[in-house]
């Protein structure tokens, strides 16, 4: 009888909220999570860039994820800003979210493909699947697909240091 590793049947996600929507990103795609970083204006930055933050000597473009996914105005104003850092092309970017949860473990067997009705209205195909959790419906995202190719190219032209 072969041993079954439960780790193979579980997806580990960083959970986060943008407005009332509940998302999760695979933990291996998240570089780090910043809490209330200083965000400065970025002159001549693309319109989807909220600003920049200097993290360990590197300029990190900061993107308002609510605005990017069409959920602008739904963000909950709080005292703290959360930024999820993930790769976009050849550099990292920060996505502003309303809150971040502890690591979520989801059985792969309960993850359903994203319904076509959900995918049809998206600007990019960043939702990989959905599942029901005790906190509501969780949209499993692929942060690598959040930005369009031309947006990644625009970010690539921004200064790094």
N, C-alpha and C. Protein backbone atom coordinates (compact mmCIF):
# COMPACT_ATOMS: atom_id res chain seq x y z
N UNK A 1 0.84 -1.18 0.00
CA UNK A 1 0.00 0.00 0.00
C UNK A 1 0.89 1.25 0.00
N UNK A 2 0.65 2.15 -0.92
CA UNK A 2 1.46 3.37 -1.04
C UNK A 2 0.99 4.41 -0.04
N UNK A 3 1.94 5.13 0.50
CA UNK A 3 1.61 6.22 1.41
C UNK A 3 1.12 7.42 0.61
N UNK A 4 0.14 8.11 1.12
CA UNK A 4 -0.38 9.30 0.46
C UNK A 4 0.02 10.51 1.29
N UNK A 5 0.72 11.41 0.68
CA UNK A 5 1.13 12.63 1.37
C UNK A 5 -0.01 13.64 1.30
N UNK A 6 -0.46 14.11 2.45
CA UNK A 6 -1.55 15.08 2.46
C UNK A 6 -1.09 16.43 1.90
N UNK A 7 0.23 16.69 1.91
CA UNK A 7 0.73 17.95 1.40
C UNK A 7 0.46 18.08 -0.11
N UNK A 8 0.44 16.95 -0.82
CA UNK A 8 0.19 16.99 -2.26
C UNK A 8 -1.25 17.36 -2.57
N UNK A 9 -2.14 17.16 -1.63
CA UNK A 9 -3.55 17.41 -1.84
C UNK A 9 -4.00 18.78 -1.36
N UNK A 10 -3.05 19.59 -0.92
CA UNK A 10 -3.39 20.88 -0.33
C UNK A 10 -2.66 22.01 -1.05
N UNK A 11 -3.39 23.10 -1.30
CA UNK A 11 -2.80 24.31 -1.86
C UNK A 11 -2.65 25.30 -0.70
N UNK A 12 -1.46 25.86 -0.54
CA UNK A 12 -1.24 26.87 0.49
C UNK A 12 -1.34 28.25 -0.16
N UNK A 13 -2.20 29.08 0.41
CA UNK A 13 -2.49 30.40 -0.17
C UNK A 13 -2.29 31.51 0.84
N UNK A 14 -1.89 32.67 0.33
CA UNK A 14 -1.95 33.91 1.11
C UNK A 14 -3.32 34.49 0.81
N UNK A 15 -4.14 34.65 1.83
CA UNK A 15 -5.47 35.22 1.63
C UNK A 15 -5.45 36.73 1.76
N UNK A 16 -6.28 37.40 0.97
CA UNK A 16 -6.36 38.85 1.08
C UNK A 16 -7.72 39.32 0.60
N UNK A 17 -8.11 40.48 1.09
CA UNK A 17 -9.39 41.09 0.71
C UNK A 17 -9.14 42.34 -0.11
N UNK A 18 -9.97 42.52 -1.12
CA UNK A 18 -10.05 43.77 -1.87
C UNK A 18 -11.53 44.12 -1.83
N UNK A 19 -11.87 45.10 -1.00
CA UNK A 19 -13.28 45.37 -0.75
C UNK A 19 -13.89 44.16 -0.08
N UNK A 20 -15.05 43.74 -0.55
CA UNK A 20 -15.72 42.58 0.03
C UNK A 20 -15.25 41.27 -0.60
N UNK A 21 -14.47 41.34 -1.66
CA UNK A 21 -14.01 40.12 -2.34
C UNK A 21 -12.85 39.49 -1.59
N UNK A 22 -12.86 38.17 -1.56
CA UNK A 22 -11.85 37.38 -0.84
C UNK A 22 -11.03 36.60 -1.86
N UNK A 23 -9.73 36.85 -1.88
CA UNK A 23 -8.83 36.23 -2.84
C UNK A 23 -7.76 35.42 -2.13
N UNK A 24 -7.12 34.56 -2.88
CA UNK A 24 -5.97 33.83 -2.38
C UNK A 24 -4.96 33.68 -3.51
N UNK A 25 -3.68 33.78 -3.16
CA UNK A 25 -2.61 33.60 -4.14
C UNK A 25 -1.68 32.52 -3.59
N UNK A 26 -1.22 31.65 -4.47
CA UNK A 26 -0.32 30.58 -4.03
C UNK A 26 0.87 31.20 -3.32
N UNK A 27 1.18 30.63 -2.18
CA UNK A 27 2.20 31.20 -1.31
C UNK A 27 3.55 31.33 -2.00
N UNK A 28 3.85 30.43 -2.92
CA UNK A 28 5.15 30.47 -3.61
C UNK A 28 5.25 31.61 -4.62
N UNK A 29 4.12 32.24 -4.97
CA UNK A 29 4.16 33.37 -5.91
C UNK A 29 4.30 34.71 -5.19
N UNK A 30 4.15 34.71 -3.88
CA UNK A 30 4.24 35.94 -3.09
C UNK A 30 5.66 36.07 -2.55
N UNK A 31 6.33 37.17 -2.89
CA UNK A 31 7.71 37.39 -2.43
C UNK A 31 7.75 37.84 -0.97
N UNK A 32 6.84 38.77 -0.62
CA UNK A 32 6.75 39.24 0.75
C UNK A 32 5.48 40.06 0.91
N UNK A 33 5.17 40.37 2.15
CA UNK A 33 4.01 41.20 2.47
C UNK A 33 4.52 42.38 3.28
N UNK A 34 4.20 43.59 2.82
CA UNK A 34 4.62 44.81 3.50
C UNK A 34 3.44 45.42 4.22
N UNK A 35 3.69 45.93 5.38
CA UNK A 35 2.64 46.57 6.16
C UNK A 35 2.92 48.06 6.24
N UNK A 36 2.04 48.85 5.67
CA UNK A 36 2.10 50.31 5.69
C UNK A 36 3.44 50.88 5.19
N UNK A 37 3.87 50.47 3.99
CA UNK A 37 5.10 51.07 3.47
C UNK A 37 4.85 52.52 3.06
N UNK A 38 5.91 53.31 3.07
CA UNK A 38 5.80 54.69 2.59
C UNK A 38 5.63 54.63 1.07
N UNK A 39 4.54 55.24 0.58
CA UNK A 39 4.27 55.26 -0.86
C UNK A 39 4.35 56.70 -1.34
N UNK A 40 5.22 56.93 -2.32
CA UNK A 40 5.41 58.27 -2.87
C UNK A 40 4.81 58.34 -4.27
N UNK A 41 4.50 59.56 -4.70
CA UNK A 41 4.02 59.75 -6.07
C UNK A 41 5.11 59.34 -7.05
N UNK A 42 4.69 58.83 -8.18
CA UNK A 42 5.62 58.42 -9.23
C UNK A 42 5.35 59.26 -10.47
N UNK A 43 6.17 60.29 -10.70
CA UNK A 43 5.93 61.13 -11.88
C UNK A 43 6.08 60.31 -13.16
N UNK A 44 5.20 60.58 -14.11
CA UNK A 44 5.22 59.92 -15.42
C UNK A 44 5.00 58.41 -15.35
N UNK A 45 4.43 57.93 -14.25
CA UNK A 45 4.16 56.49 -14.12
C UNK A 45 2.88 56.15 -14.87
N UNK A 46 2.73 54.91 -15.29
CA UNK A 46 1.47 54.50 -15.92
C UNK A 46 0.29 54.76 -14.98
N UNK A 47 -0.88 54.96 -15.54
CA UNK A 47 -2.05 55.34 -14.74
C UNK A 47 -2.45 54.29 -13.72
N UNK A 48 -2.13 53.04 -13.94
CA UNK A 48 -2.50 51.99 -12.99
C UNK A 48 -1.54 51.90 -11.80
N UNK A 49 -0.45 52.66 -11.83
CA UNK A 49 0.52 52.67 -10.73
C UNK A 49 0.11 53.75 -9.73
N UNK A 50 -0.11 53.34 -8.51
CA UNK A 50 -0.50 54.27 -7.44
C UNK A 50 0.67 55.13 -6.99
N UNK A 51 1.85 54.55 -7.00
CA UNK A 51 3.04 55.25 -6.56
C UNK A 51 4.21 54.28 -6.53
N UNK A 52 5.26 54.70 -5.80
CA UNK A 52 6.43 53.83 -5.65
C UNK A 52 6.81 53.77 -4.19
N UNK A 53 7.51 52.72 -3.85
CA UNK A 53 8.04 52.56 -2.50
C UNK A 53 9.46 52.05 -2.64
N UNK A 54 10.34 52.52 -1.79
CA UNK A 54 11.73 52.05 -1.82
C UNK A 54 11.85 50.94 -0.78
N UNK A 55 12.18 49.74 -1.27
CA UNK A 55 12.31 48.58 -0.39
C UNK A 55 13.72 48.02 -0.55
N UNK A 56 14.50 48.13 0.50
CA UNK A 56 15.90 47.67 0.51
C UNK A 56 16.69 48.22 -0.68
N UNK A 57 16.49 49.51 -0.96
CA UNK A 57 17.25 50.19 -2.02
C UNK A 57 16.71 50.00 -3.42
N UNK A 58 15.62 49.27 -3.58
CA UNK A 58 15.04 49.04 -4.90
C UNK A 58 13.68 49.72 -4.97
N UNK A 59 13.40 50.37 -6.10
CA UNK A 59 12.10 51.02 -6.28
C UNK A 59 11.07 49.97 -6.67
N UNK A 60 10.00 49.93 -5.91
CA UNK A 60 8.92 48.97 -6.13
C UNK A 60 7.68 49.71 -6.61
N UNK A 61 7.24 49.47 -7.85
CA UNK A 61 5.98 50.09 -8.29
C UNK A 61 4.82 49.54 -7.44
N UNK A 62 3.96 50.42 -6.99
CA UNK A 62 2.83 50.04 -6.14
C UNK A 62 1.55 50.22 -6.95
N UNK A 63 0.76 49.16 -7.02
CA UNK A 63 -0.46 49.14 -7.82
C UNK A 63 -1.67 48.97 -6.92
N UNK A 64 -2.68 49.80 -7.12
CA UNK A 64 -3.93 49.68 -6.37
C UNK A 64 -4.71 48.53 -7.00
N UNK A 65 -4.72 47.38 -6.35
CA UNK A 65 -5.35 46.21 -6.93
C UNK A 65 -6.85 46.39 -7.12
N UNK A 66 -7.50 47.10 -6.22
CA UNK A 66 -8.93 47.36 -6.37
C UNK A 66 -9.23 48.11 -7.66
N UNK A 67 -8.44 49.12 -7.95
CA UNK A 67 -8.62 49.89 -9.19
C UNK A 67 -8.32 49.03 -10.41
N UNK A 68 -7.27 48.21 -10.30
CA UNK A 68 -6.85 47.39 -11.43
C UNK A 68 -7.91 46.36 -11.82
N UNK A 69 -8.57 45.77 -10.85
CA UNK A 69 -9.54 44.71 -11.16
C UNK A 69 -10.97 45.23 -11.24
N UNK A 70 -11.13 46.55 -11.23
CA UNK A 70 -12.47 47.11 -11.39
C UNK A 70 -13.28 47.09 -10.11
N UNK A 71 -12.60 47.12 -8.99
CA UNK A 71 -13.28 47.12 -7.70
C UNK A 71 -12.90 48.41 -6.95
N UNK A 72 -12.57 49.46 -7.69
CA UNK A 72 -12.18 50.73 -7.08
C UNK A 72 -13.35 51.30 -6.30
N UNK A 73 -13.06 51.94 -5.23
CA UNK A 73 -14.11 52.52 -4.40
C UNK A 73 -14.68 51.53 -3.42
N UNK A 74 -14.41 50.25 -3.63
CA UNK A 74 -14.91 49.24 -2.71
C UNK A 74 -13.90 48.97 -1.60
N UNK A 75 -12.70 49.53 -1.76
CA UNK A 75 -11.70 49.28 -0.74
C UNK A 75 -12.13 49.88 0.58
N UNK A 76 -11.79 49.19 1.61
CA UNK A 76 -12.15 49.60 2.96
C UNK A 76 -11.02 50.48 3.49
N UNK A 77 -11.32 51.70 3.84
CA UNK A 77 -10.28 52.61 4.35
C UNK A 77 -9.94 52.22 5.79
N UNK A 78 -8.68 51.88 5.99
CA UNK A 78 -8.18 51.50 7.31
C UNK A 78 -6.92 52.29 7.60
N UNK A 79 -6.46 52.18 8.82
CA UNK A 79 -5.24 52.88 9.21
C UNK A 79 -4.00 52.27 8.58
N UNK A 80 -4.06 51.00 8.25
CA UNK A 80 -2.89 50.31 7.73
C UNK A 80 -3.09 49.96 6.26
N UNK A 81 -1.99 50.01 5.53
CA UNK A 81 -1.99 49.61 4.13
C UNK A 81 -1.23 48.29 4.05
N UNK A 82 -1.77 47.36 3.32
CA UNK A 82 -1.11 46.08 3.09
C UNK A 82 -0.68 46.02 1.63
N UNK A 83 0.54 45.57 1.39
CA UNK A 83 1.06 45.45 0.04
C UNK A 83 1.62 44.05 -0.13
N UNK A 84 1.09 43.35 -1.13
CA UNK A 84 1.59 42.01 -1.46
C UNK A 84 2.58 42.17 -2.61
N UNK A 85 3.80 41.72 -2.39
CA UNK A 85 4.85 41.84 -3.40
C UNK A 85 4.93 40.54 -4.19
N UNK A 86 4.89 40.67 -5.51
CA UNK A 86 4.94 39.50 -6.40
C UNK A 86 5.63 39.90 -7.70
N UNK A 87 6.16 38.93 -8.44
CA UNK A 87 6.81 39.26 -9.70
C UNK A 87 5.82 39.66 -10.79
N UNK A 88 6.27 40.58 -11.63
CA UNK A 88 5.53 40.98 -12.83
C UNK A 88 6.59 41.17 -13.91
N UNK A 89 6.73 40.19 -14.75
CA UNK A 89 7.80 40.24 -15.73
C UNK A 89 9.13 40.01 -15.02
N UNK A 90 10.08 40.91 -15.25
CA UNK A 90 11.43 40.74 -14.69
C UNK A 90 11.63 41.50 -13.39
N UNK A 91 10.58 42.11 -12.85
CA UNK A 91 10.75 42.83 -11.59
C UNK A 91 9.56 42.58 -10.69
N UNK A 92 9.71 42.93 -9.45
CA UNK A 92 8.62 42.79 -8.49
C UNK A 92 7.77 44.05 -8.47
N UNK A 93 6.50 43.86 -8.16
CA UNK A 93 5.58 44.98 -7.95
C UNK A 93 4.84 44.72 -6.65
N UNK A 94 4.24 45.77 -6.13
CA UNK A 94 3.43 45.65 -4.92
C UNK A 94 1.98 45.91 -5.24
N UNK A 95 1.10 45.06 -4.74
CA UNK A 95 -0.34 45.22 -4.94
C UNK A 95 -0.96 45.65 -3.61
N UNK A 96 -1.61 46.82 -3.59
CA UNK A 96 -2.27 47.29 -2.38
C UNK A 96 -3.58 46.50 -2.22
N UNK A 97 -3.76 45.92 -1.04
CA UNK A 97 -4.98 45.19 -0.70
C UNK A 97 -5.49 45.72 0.63
N UNK A 98 -6.73 45.39 0.98
CA UNK A 98 -7.32 45.90 2.22
C UNK A 98 -6.83 45.17 3.46
N UNK A 99 -6.66 43.86 3.34
CA UNK A 99 -6.20 43.08 4.49
C UNK A 99 -5.58 41.79 3.99
N UNK A 100 -4.79 41.19 4.85
CA UNK A 100 -4.13 39.93 4.54
C UNK A 100 -4.47 38.96 5.67
N UNK A 101 -4.75 37.70 5.32
CA UNK A 101 -5.09 36.70 6.31
C UNK A 101 -3.90 35.79 6.57
N UNK A 102 -3.96 35.00 7.63
CA UNK A 102 -2.94 33.96 7.80
C UNK A 102 -3.02 32.98 6.62
N UNK A 103 -2.03 32.13 6.50
CA UNK A 103 -1.99 31.16 5.40
C UNK A 103 -3.25 30.31 5.41
N UNK A 104 -3.81 30.11 4.22
CA UNK A 104 -5.02 29.31 4.05
C UNK A 104 -4.60 28.01 3.37
N UNK A 105 -5.09 26.91 3.89
CA UNK A 105 -4.83 25.60 3.27
C UNK A 105 -6.15 25.10 2.68
N UNK A 106 -6.14 24.83 1.38
CA UNK A 106 -7.35 24.40 0.68
C UNK A 106 -7.06 23.06 0.02
N UNK A 107 -7.95 22.10 0.20
CA UNK A 107 -7.80 20.82 -0.49
C UNK A 107 -8.04 21.04 -1.98
N UNK A 108 -7.18 20.47 -2.79
CA UNK A 108 -7.33 20.63 -4.24
C UNK A 108 -8.65 20.05 -4.73
N UNK A 109 -9.18 19.08 -4.03
CA UNK A 109 -10.42 18.44 -4.46
C UNK A 109 -11.64 19.35 -4.34
N UNK A 110 -11.55 20.43 -3.55
CA UNK A 110 -12.69 21.34 -3.40
C UNK A 110 -12.60 22.57 -4.30
N UNK A 111 -11.48 22.70 -5.02
CA UNK A 111 -11.30 23.85 -5.91
C UNK A 111 -12.00 23.55 -7.23
N UNK A 112 -12.86 24.46 -7.62
CA UNK A 112 -13.59 24.33 -8.88
C UNK A 112 -13.00 25.29 -9.90
N UNK A 113 -13.08 24.95 -11.18
CA UNK A 113 -12.63 25.91 -12.20
C UNK A 113 -13.48 27.18 -12.13
N UNK A 114 -12.88 28.29 -12.43
CA UNK A 114 -13.63 29.55 -12.42
C UNK A 114 -14.73 29.47 -13.47
N UNK A 115 -15.96 29.80 -13.11
CA UNK A 115 -17.05 29.76 -14.09
C UNK A 115 -16.81 30.76 -15.22
N UNK A 116 -17.24 30.42 -16.39
CA UNK A 116 -17.05 31.27 -17.57
C UNK A 116 -17.68 32.65 -17.35
N UNK A 117 -18.78 32.70 -16.61
CA UNK A 117 -19.44 33.99 -16.34
C UNK A 117 -18.53 34.92 -15.56
N UNK A 118 -17.68 34.35 -14.69
CA UNK A 118 -16.72 35.15 -13.91
C UNK A 118 -15.58 35.58 -14.82
N UNK A 119 -15.06 34.66 -15.60
CA UNK A 119 -13.91 34.95 -16.46
C UNK A 119 -14.25 35.92 -17.59
N UNK A 120 -15.48 35.90 -18.06
CA UNK A 120 -15.87 36.72 -19.22
C UNK A 120 -15.67 38.21 -18.99
N UNK A 121 -15.90 38.69 -17.79
CA UNK A 121 -15.80 40.12 -17.53
C UNK A 121 -14.44 40.58 -17.07
N UNK A 122 -13.46 39.69 -16.97
CA UNK A 122 -12.14 40.06 -16.46
C UNK A 122 -11.27 40.67 -17.53
N UNK A 123 -10.43 41.59 -17.12
CA UNK A 123 -9.48 42.22 -18.04
C UNK A 123 -8.34 41.28 -18.38
N UNK A 124 -8.03 40.34 -17.50
CA UNK A 124 -7.05 39.29 -17.76
C UNK A 124 -7.54 38.04 -17.03
N UNK A 125 -7.02 36.91 -17.39
CA UNK A 125 -7.50 35.65 -16.82
C UNK A 125 -6.70 35.29 -15.57
N UNK A 126 -6.78 36.13 -14.54
CA UNK A 126 -6.00 35.93 -13.33
C UNK A 126 -6.68 35.00 -12.32
N UNK A 127 -7.95 34.68 -12.49
CA UNK A 127 -8.62 33.77 -11.56
C UNK A 127 -8.45 32.34 -12.07
N UNK A 128 -7.83 31.50 -11.23
CA UNK A 128 -7.57 30.11 -11.59
C UNK A 128 -8.68 29.18 -11.13
N UNK A 129 -9.33 29.52 -10.06
CA UNK A 129 -10.37 28.66 -9.53
C UNK A 129 -11.09 29.32 -8.38
N UNK A 130 -12.13 28.67 -7.88
CA UNK A 130 -12.87 29.18 -6.74
C UNK A 130 -13.19 28.03 -5.80
N UNK A 131 -13.41 28.36 -4.55
CA UNK A 131 -13.86 27.36 -3.59
C UNK A 131 -14.59 28.05 -2.45
N UNK A 132 -15.38 27.30 -1.76
CA UNK A 132 -16.13 27.79 -0.60
C UNK A 132 -15.26 27.60 0.64
N UNK A 133 -15.16 28.64 1.46
CA UNK A 133 -14.44 28.54 2.73
C UNK A 133 -15.37 29.03 3.84
N UNK A 134 -14.91 28.90 5.06
CA UNK A 134 -15.72 29.40 6.18
C UNK A 134 -15.80 30.92 6.19
N UNK A 135 -14.96 31.59 5.38
CA UNK A 135 -14.99 33.05 5.28
C UNK A 135 -15.69 33.53 4.01
N UNK A 136 -16.27 32.61 3.26
CA UNK A 136 -16.97 32.96 2.03
C UNK A 136 -16.29 32.36 0.82
N UNK A 137 -16.72 32.78 -0.36
CA UNK A 137 -16.14 32.26 -1.60
C UNK A 137 -14.75 32.85 -1.77
N UNK A 138 -13.80 31.98 -2.05
CA UNK A 138 -12.41 32.35 -2.24
C UNK A 138 -12.07 32.25 -3.72
N UNK A 139 -11.60 33.36 -4.29
CA UNK A 139 -11.15 33.38 -5.68
C UNK A 139 -9.64 33.13 -5.66
N UNK A 140 -9.22 32.02 -6.24
CA UNK A 140 -7.80 31.70 -6.28
C UNK A 140 -7.20 32.38 -7.49
N UNK A 141 -6.21 33.23 -7.23
CA UNK A 141 -5.64 34.06 -8.29
C UNK A 141 -4.24 33.61 -8.68
N UNK A 142 -3.86 33.98 -9.88
CA UNK A 142 -2.50 33.82 -10.36
C UNK A 142 -1.95 35.23 -10.51
N UNK A 143 -1.13 35.65 -9.56
CA UNK A 143 -0.60 37.02 -9.60
C UNK A 143 0.26 37.27 -10.84
N UNK A 144 0.83 36.22 -11.41
CA UNK A 144 1.62 36.37 -12.63
C UNK A 144 0.78 36.86 -13.80
N UNK A 145 -0.52 36.63 -13.74
CA UNK A 145 -1.42 37.02 -14.84
C UNK A 145 -2.23 38.28 -14.53
N UNK A 146 -1.93 38.94 -13.42
CA UNK A 146 -2.70 40.10 -13.02
C UNK A 146 -2.54 41.26 -14.00
N UNK A 147 -1.32 41.50 -14.44
CA UNK A 147 -1.05 42.61 -15.36
C UNK A 147 -1.01 42.11 -16.79
N UNK A 148 -1.44 42.97 -17.71
CA UNK A 148 -1.36 42.66 -19.13
C UNK A 148 0.08 42.87 -19.61
N UNK A 149 0.42 42.30 -20.74
CA UNK A 149 1.79 42.40 -21.27
C UNK A 149 2.25 43.84 -21.44
N UNK A 150 1.37 44.70 -21.95
CA UNK A 150 1.78 46.10 -22.15
C UNK A 150 1.98 46.82 -20.81
N UNK A 151 1.25 46.41 -19.78
CA UNK A 151 1.44 46.99 -18.44
C UNK A 151 2.77 46.55 -17.85
N UNK A 152 3.11 45.29 -18.05
CA UNK A 152 4.42 44.78 -17.58
C UNK A 152 5.54 45.51 -18.30
N UNK A 153 5.37 45.74 -19.60
CA UNK A 153 6.38 46.48 -20.37
C UNK A 153 6.53 47.90 -19.85
N UNK A 154 5.42 48.55 -19.52
CA UNK A 154 5.46 49.92 -18.99
C UNK A 154 6.17 49.97 -17.65
N UNK A 155 5.92 48.99 -16.81
CA UNK A 155 6.58 48.93 -15.50
C UNK A 155 8.08 48.67 -15.68
N UNK A 156 8.41 47.87 -16.68
CA UNK A 156 9.81 47.57 -16.96
C UNK A 156 10.62 48.80 -17.33
N UNK A 157 9.96 49.85 -17.81
CA UNK A 157 10.64 51.09 -18.19
C UNK A 157 10.85 52.03 -17.00
N UNK A 158 10.20 51.73 -15.88
CA UNK A 158 10.36 52.58 -14.70
C UNK A 158 11.72 52.36 -14.08
N UNK A 159 12.29 53.38 -13.43
CA UNK A 159 13.60 53.22 -12.79
C UNK A 159 13.55 52.16 -11.70
N UNK A 160 14.68 51.48 -11.52
CA UNK A 160 14.77 50.41 -10.52
C UNK A 160 15.37 50.94 -9.22
N UNK A 161 16.29 51.88 -9.32
CA UNK A 161 16.98 52.40 -8.11
C UNK A 161 16.82 53.89 -8.02
